[in-house]
Protein backbone atom coordinates (compact mmCIF):
# COMPACT_ATOMS: atom_id res chain seq x y z
CA MET A 1 86.65 -48.91 -42.38
CA LEU A 2 86.22 -52.66 -42.70
CA GLN A 3 83.15 -53.79 -44.65
CA ASP A 4 80.86 -56.29 -42.92
CA SER A 5 81.45 -58.93 -45.60
CA HIS A 6 85.22 -58.66 -45.14
CA ALA A 7 84.93 -58.68 -41.35
CA SER A 8 82.77 -61.78 -41.55
CA GLN A 9 85.36 -63.52 -43.72
CA LEU A 10 88.10 -62.60 -41.24
CA PHE A 11 86.11 -64.21 -38.45
CA GLN A 12 85.57 -67.37 -40.51
CA ALA A 13 89.32 -67.52 -41.26
CA HIS A 14 90.06 -67.07 -37.56
CA VAL A 15 87.71 -69.91 -36.58
CA HIS A 16 89.04 -72.22 -39.31
CA CYS A 17 92.66 -71.65 -38.31
CA ALA A 18 91.87 -71.98 -34.62
CA ASN A 19 90.33 -75.39 -35.31
CA HIS A 20 93.15 -76.65 -37.52
CA VAL A 21 96.36 -74.77 -36.74
CA ALA A 22 96.21 -73.25 -33.29
CA GLY A 23 97.95 -69.89 -33.01
CA ALA A 24 98.61 -69.53 -36.74
CA PHE A 25 96.11 -66.73 -37.30
CA GLN A 26 95.31 -64.43 -34.43
CA LEU A 27 93.37 -61.20 -34.68
CA PRO A 28 93.66 -58.32 -32.23
CA PRO A 29 90.80 -58.57 -29.69
CA ALA A 30 88.97 -55.46 -30.96
CA LEU A 31 89.13 -56.63 -34.57
CA LEU A 32 88.04 -60.13 -33.56
CA ALA A 33 85.01 -58.69 -31.73
CA THR A 34 84.07 -56.60 -34.79
CA ALA A 35 84.54 -59.58 -37.11
CA GLU A 36 82.48 -61.89 -34.90
CA SER A 37 79.69 -59.33 -34.66
CA ALA A 38 79.59 -58.95 -38.46
CA TRP A 39 79.48 -62.74 -38.85
CA GLN A 40 76.64 -63.05 -36.30
CA GLU A 41 74.60 -60.45 -38.18
CA MET A 42 75.17 -62.31 -41.45
CA VAL A 43 74.10 -65.63 -39.89
CA GLU A 44 71.01 -64.11 -38.29
CA ASP A 45 69.94 -62.61 -41.63
CA LEU A 46 70.32 -65.93 -43.45
CA LYS A 47 66.94 -67.39 -44.28
CA VAL A 48 66.19 -70.68 -45.98
CA SER A 49 62.69 -71.27 -47.24
CA ASP A 50 60.90 -74.57 -46.83
CA THR A 51 61.01 -74.99 -50.61
CA GLN A 52 64.80 -74.54 -50.68
CA ARG A 53 65.18 -77.01 -47.82
CA GLN A 54 62.96 -79.60 -49.58
CA VAL A 55 64.88 -79.25 -52.86
CA LEU A 56 68.20 -79.55 -51.04
CA HIS A 57 67.16 -82.74 -49.28
CA ALA A 58 65.59 -84.17 -52.44
CA LEU A 59 68.77 -83.64 -54.47
CA ALA A 60 71.21 -84.79 -51.78
CA PRO A 61 70.99 -88.52 -52.63
CA LEU A 62 71.73 -87.77 -56.29
CA GLN A 63 75.16 -86.29 -55.75
CA ALA A 64 78.09 -88.66 -56.18
CA LYS A 65 80.57 -88.26 -53.34
CA LYS A 66 84.17 -89.28 -53.10
CA GLN A 67 86.53 -89.04 -50.16
CA VAL A 68 89.50 -86.75 -50.76
CA GLY A 69 91.93 -86.20 -47.92
CA GLY A 70 89.30 -86.49 -45.22
CA GLN A 71 86.83 -84.23 -46.99
CA HIS A 72 83.87 -85.22 -49.11
CA GLN A 73 83.60 -83.67 -52.55
CA SER A 74 80.72 -84.05 -54.92
CA SER A 75 81.16 -84.52 -58.63
CA GLY A 76 81.33 -80.98 -59.94
CA LEU A 77 79.29 -79.34 -57.19
CA ARG A 78 79.92 -78.22 -53.65
CA TRP A 79 76.92 -78.40 -51.40
CA THR A 80 76.56 -76.77 -48.05
CA PHE A 81 73.91 -78.29 -45.86
CA CYS A 82 72.48 -75.63 -43.63
CA CYS A 83 69.29 -77.34 -42.50
């Protein structure tokens, strides 16, 4: 049986490939539905406290960014803005 964390990663890979290389990574419909459901549960369970959000926004101006191949990378850190 597929673990929820693995199913969630499959769904994220599916979405990424669908956005960048159409048709390169296709899951069977039943597996895609299972993977999407696992991803939805993970997203719904994600909680960010007000303190975490304040720290994130306070530190954001301090990170040095450079453009690399259309993507922004920070110096030594990868930040994901979820708020």
